N, C-alpha and C. Protein backbone atom coordinates (compact mmCIF):
# COMPACT_ATOMS: atom_id res chain seq x y z
N MET A 1 71.69 74.90 90.93
CA MET A 1 72.77 75.47 91.70
C MET A 1 73.00 74.52 92.90
N THR A 2 74.26 74.25 93.13
CA THR A 2 74.61 73.38 94.20
C THR A 2 74.75 74.11 95.54
N SER A 3 74.68 73.41 96.59
CA SER A 3 74.79 73.96 97.90
C SER A 3 76.19 74.60 98.12
N GLN A 4 77.22 73.96 97.52
CA GLN A 4 78.58 74.46 97.69
C GLN A 4 78.73 75.79 96.93
N THR A 5 78.09 75.94 95.77
CA THR A 5 78.14 77.17 95.03
C THR A 5 77.45 78.30 95.79
N THR A 6 76.30 77.99 96.38
CA THR A 6 75.58 78.97 97.16
C THR A 6 76.41 79.40 98.35
N THR A 7 77.06 78.49 99.01
CA THR A 7 77.89 78.80 100.15
C THR A 7 79.05 79.73 99.71
N ARG A 8 79.68 79.37 98.60
CA ARG A 8 80.81 80.20 98.10
C ARG A 8 80.32 81.62 97.78
N ARG A 9 79.18 81.73 97.20
CA ARG A 9 78.62 83.04 96.84
C ARG A 9 78.29 83.87 98.09
N LEU A 10 77.77 83.21 99.11
CA LEU A 10 77.48 83.92 100.37
C LEU A 10 78.80 84.36 101.06
N VAL A 11 79.77 83.53 101.00
CA VAL A 11 81.07 83.92 101.58
C VAL A 11 81.65 85.11 100.80
N GLN A 12 81.55 85.09 99.50
CA GLN A 12 82.07 86.18 98.70
C GLN A 12 81.30 87.53 98.98
N ILE A 13 79.99 87.40 99.17
CA ILE A 13 79.17 88.56 99.50
C ILE A 13 79.66 89.11 100.89
N GLY A 14 79.90 88.21 101.84
CA GLY A 14 80.40 88.65 103.12
C GLY A 14 81.78 89.34 103.03
N ALA A 15 82.67 88.74 102.23
CA ALA A 15 83.99 89.34 102.03
C ALA A 15 83.90 90.70 101.38
N LEU A 16 83.00 90.82 100.38
CA LEU A 16 82.76 92.11 99.73
C LEU A 16 82.30 93.14 100.71
N PHE A 17 81.37 92.78 101.54
CA PHE A 17 80.88 93.73 102.58
C PHE A 17 81.98 94.15 103.53
N LEU A 18 82.76 93.17 104.01
CA LEU A 18 83.81 93.52 104.93
C LEU A 18 84.86 94.47 104.30
N ILE A 19 85.26 94.17 103.11
CA ILE A 19 86.24 95.05 102.39
C ILE A 19 85.67 96.39 102.17
N GLY A 20 84.48 96.45 101.59
CA GLY A 20 83.91 97.76 101.32
C GLY A 20 83.64 98.60 102.53
N ASP A 21 83.05 97.99 103.57
CA ASP A 21 82.80 98.71 104.83
C ASP A 21 84.09 99.16 105.45
N GLY A 22 85.10 98.28 105.45
CA GLY A 22 86.42 98.67 106.00
C GLY A 22 87.06 99.86 105.30
N VAL A 23 87.02 99.85 103.99
CA VAL A 23 87.61 100.91 103.18
C VAL A 23 86.82 102.25 103.45
N MET A 24 85.51 102.19 103.44
CA MET A 24 84.71 103.38 103.73
C MET A 24 85.04 103.90 105.10
N GLY A 25 85.21 103.05 106.07
CA GLY A 25 85.57 103.49 107.44
C GLY A 25 86.98 104.07 107.50
N LEU A 26 87.91 103.56 106.71
CA LEU A 26 89.22 104.12 106.67
C LEU A 26 89.23 105.52 106.10
N LEU A 27 88.40 105.77 105.10
CA LEU A 27 88.37 107.05 104.46
C LEU A 27 87.73 108.16 105.34
N LYS A 28 86.61 107.86 105.96
CA LYS A 28 85.89 108.84 106.78
C LYS A 28 85.35 108.11 108.00
N PRO A 29 86.22 107.86 109.01
CA PRO A 29 85.75 107.09 110.12
C PRO A 29 84.60 107.71 110.97
N ARG A 30 84.62 108.96 111.20
CA ARG A 30 83.55 109.58 112.00
C ARG A 30 82.22 109.53 111.25
N TRP A 31 82.23 109.95 110.02
CA TRP A 31 81.02 109.94 109.23
C TRP A 31 80.45 108.53 109.04
N HIS A 32 81.35 107.62 108.74
CA HIS A 32 80.87 106.23 108.48
C HIS A 32 80.35 105.59 109.79
N SER A 33 81.00 105.83 110.89
CA SER A 33 80.52 105.30 112.14
C SER A 33 79.16 105.95 112.51
N SER A 34 79.01 107.21 112.33
CA SER A 34 77.74 107.87 112.62
C SER A 34 76.60 107.40 111.74
N LEU A 35 76.92 107.00 110.49
CA LEU A 35 75.95 106.53 109.58
C LEU A 35 75.23 105.28 110.11
N TRP A 36 76.00 104.45 110.85
CA TRP A 36 75.45 103.15 111.32
C TRP A 36 74.99 103.26 112.79
N ASN A 37 74.73 104.49 113.27
CA ASN A 37 74.33 104.63 114.63
C ASN A 37 72.79 104.44 114.79
N PHE A 38 72.38 103.20 114.81
CA PHE A 38 70.98 102.81 115.00
C PHE A 38 70.92 101.44 115.57
N GLY A 39 69.71 101.01 115.94
CA GLY A 39 69.50 99.69 116.42
C GLY A 39 69.62 99.55 117.93
N PRO A 40 70.02 98.42 118.41
CA PRO A 40 70.09 98.15 119.84
C PRO A 40 71.12 99.10 120.53
N GLU A 41 70.93 99.27 121.80
CA GLU A 41 71.82 100.14 122.56
C GLU A 41 73.29 99.82 122.39
N LEU A 42 73.62 98.54 122.39
CA LEU A 42 74.98 98.11 122.32
C LEU A 42 75.59 98.52 120.97
N ALA A 43 74.86 98.42 119.90
CA ALA A 43 75.36 98.82 118.58
C ALA A 43 75.50 100.33 118.53
N ARG A 44 74.56 101.07 119.06
CA ARG A 44 74.66 102.54 119.11
C ARG A 44 75.87 102.98 119.90
N ALA A 45 76.09 102.33 121.05
CA ALA A 45 77.27 102.68 121.88
C ALA A 45 78.53 102.41 121.17
N ALA A 46 78.65 101.32 120.44
CA ALA A 46 79.86 101.00 119.71
C ALA A 46 80.14 101.99 118.61
N THR A 47 79.10 102.37 117.86
CA THR A 47 79.31 103.33 116.75
C THR A 47 79.61 104.72 117.34
N GLU A 48 79.05 105.06 118.45
CA GLU A 48 79.38 106.37 119.10
C GLU A 48 80.80 106.44 119.54
N GLU A 49 81.32 105.32 120.07
CA GLU A 49 82.70 105.26 120.46
C GLU A 49 83.65 105.36 119.24
N LEU A 50 83.28 104.64 118.18
CA LEU A 50 84.08 104.75 116.96
C LEU A 50 84.10 106.12 116.38
N ALA A 51 82.97 106.79 116.41
CA ALA A 51 82.85 108.17 115.85
C ALA A 51 83.68 109.13 116.74
N ALA A 52 83.76 108.86 118.07
CA ALA A 52 84.47 109.77 118.98
C ALA A 52 85.93 109.54 118.94
N HIS A 53 86.40 108.36 118.45
CA HIS A 53 87.83 108.05 118.42
C HIS A 53 88.22 107.57 116.99
N PRO A 54 88.47 108.48 116.10
CA PRO A 54 88.73 108.17 114.67
C PRO A 54 89.99 107.31 114.49
N LYS A 55 91.01 107.47 115.31
CA LYS A 55 92.22 106.68 115.12
C LYS A 55 91.94 105.18 115.44
N THR A 56 91.21 104.98 116.55
CA THR A 56 90.80 103.60 116.94
C THR A 56 89.87 103.10 115.84
N ALA A 57 88.96 103.90 115.38
CA ALA A 57 87.99 103.46 114.34
C ALA A 57 88.80 103.02 113.05
N ARG A 58 89.78 103.80 112.69
CA ARG A 58 90.61 103.40 111.52
C ARG A 58 91.26 102.02 111.72
N ALA A 59 91.74 101.81 112.91
CA ALA A 59 92.36 100.48 113.18
C ALA A 59 91.33 99.35 113.06
N VAL A 60 90.13 99.62 113.58
CA VAL A 60 89.06 98.60 113.51
C VAL A 60 88.68 98.38 112.05
N TYR A 61 88.52 99.47 111.27
CA TYR A 61 88.13 99.34 109.90
C TYR A 61 89.20 98.70 109.04
N LEU A 62 90.45 98.98 109.35
CA LEU A 62 91.57 98.32 108.66
C LEU A 62 91.53 96.82 108.91
N ALA A 63 91.37 96.42 110.19
CA ALA A 63 91.26 94.98 110.51
C ALA A 63 90.07 94.34 109.76
N GLU A 64 88.96 95.08 109.67
CA GLU A 64 87.79 94.56 108.95
C GLU A 64 88.12 94.35 107.49
N ALA A 65 88.77 95.29 106.82
CA ALA A 65 89.13 95.18 105.45
C ALA A 65 90.12 94.00 105.23
N VAL A 66 91.08 93.89 106.10
CA VAL A 66 92.03 92.76 105.99
C VAL A 66 91.36 91.41 106.18
N ALA A 67 90.44 91.34 107.11
CA ALA A 67 89.67 90.09 107.31
C ALA A 67 88.87 89.75 106.05
N GLY A 68 88.29 90.74 105.43
CA GLY A 68 87.56 90.54 104.19
C GLY A 68 88.47 90.04 103.07
N ILE A 69 89.62 90.63 102.96
CA ILE A 69 90.61 90.21 101.90
C ILE A 69 91.08 88.81 102.18
N ALA A 70 91.34 88.46 103.44
CA ALA A 70 91.76 87.09 103.78
C ALA A 70 90.64 86.10 103.47
N LEU A 71 89.47 86.46 103.81
CA LEU A 71 88.32 85.55 103.54
C LEU A 71 88.16 85.36 102.04
N ALA A 72 88.24 86.40 101.25
CA ALA A 72 88.13 86.29 99.78
C ALA A 72 89.26 85.48 99.19
N SER A 73 90.49 85.65 99.72
CA SER A 73 91.62 84.91 99.17
C SER A 73 91.54 83.46 99.46
N CYS A 74 90.98 83.07 100.61
CA CYS A 74 90.84 81.67 100.98
C CYS A 74 89.83 81.00 100.08
N GLN A 75 88.89 81.73 99.55
CA GLN A 75 87.78 81.14 98.78
C GLN A 75 88.17 81.09 97.29
N THR A 76 89.25 81.73 96.88
CA THR A 76 89.62 81.79 95.40
C THR A 76 90.53 80.60 95.11
N PRO A 77 90.16 79.77 94.15
CA PRO A 77 91.00 78.66 93.77
C PRO A 77 92.35 79.17 93.19
N ASP A 78 93.39 78.41 93.28
CA ASP A 78 94.69 78.83 92.79
C ASP A 78 94.74 78.85 91.28
N ALA A 79 93.84 78.10 90.61
CA ALA A 79 93.87 78.01 89.15
C ALA A 79 93.49 79.35 88.47
N TYR A 80 92.85 80.27 89.16
CA TYR A 80 92.45 81.48 88.56
C TYR A 80 93.41 82.62 88.74
């Protein structure tokens, strides 16, 4: 396996995570944000704010899903 293939696979995994996490957050922003309420204080504060403000959370999760789609599309060759 080449280094370029490994890099592409890692980028695809990242795009998949961004898309999936973004869609889950769009569907149930409070529940999804609360699910990730652990770790350092900064991370907990961010997830608490997202859980408290579902409209803002949906905007953040939509941006995350769009970023994942953009990342995936940049990695896909035109031939496919």
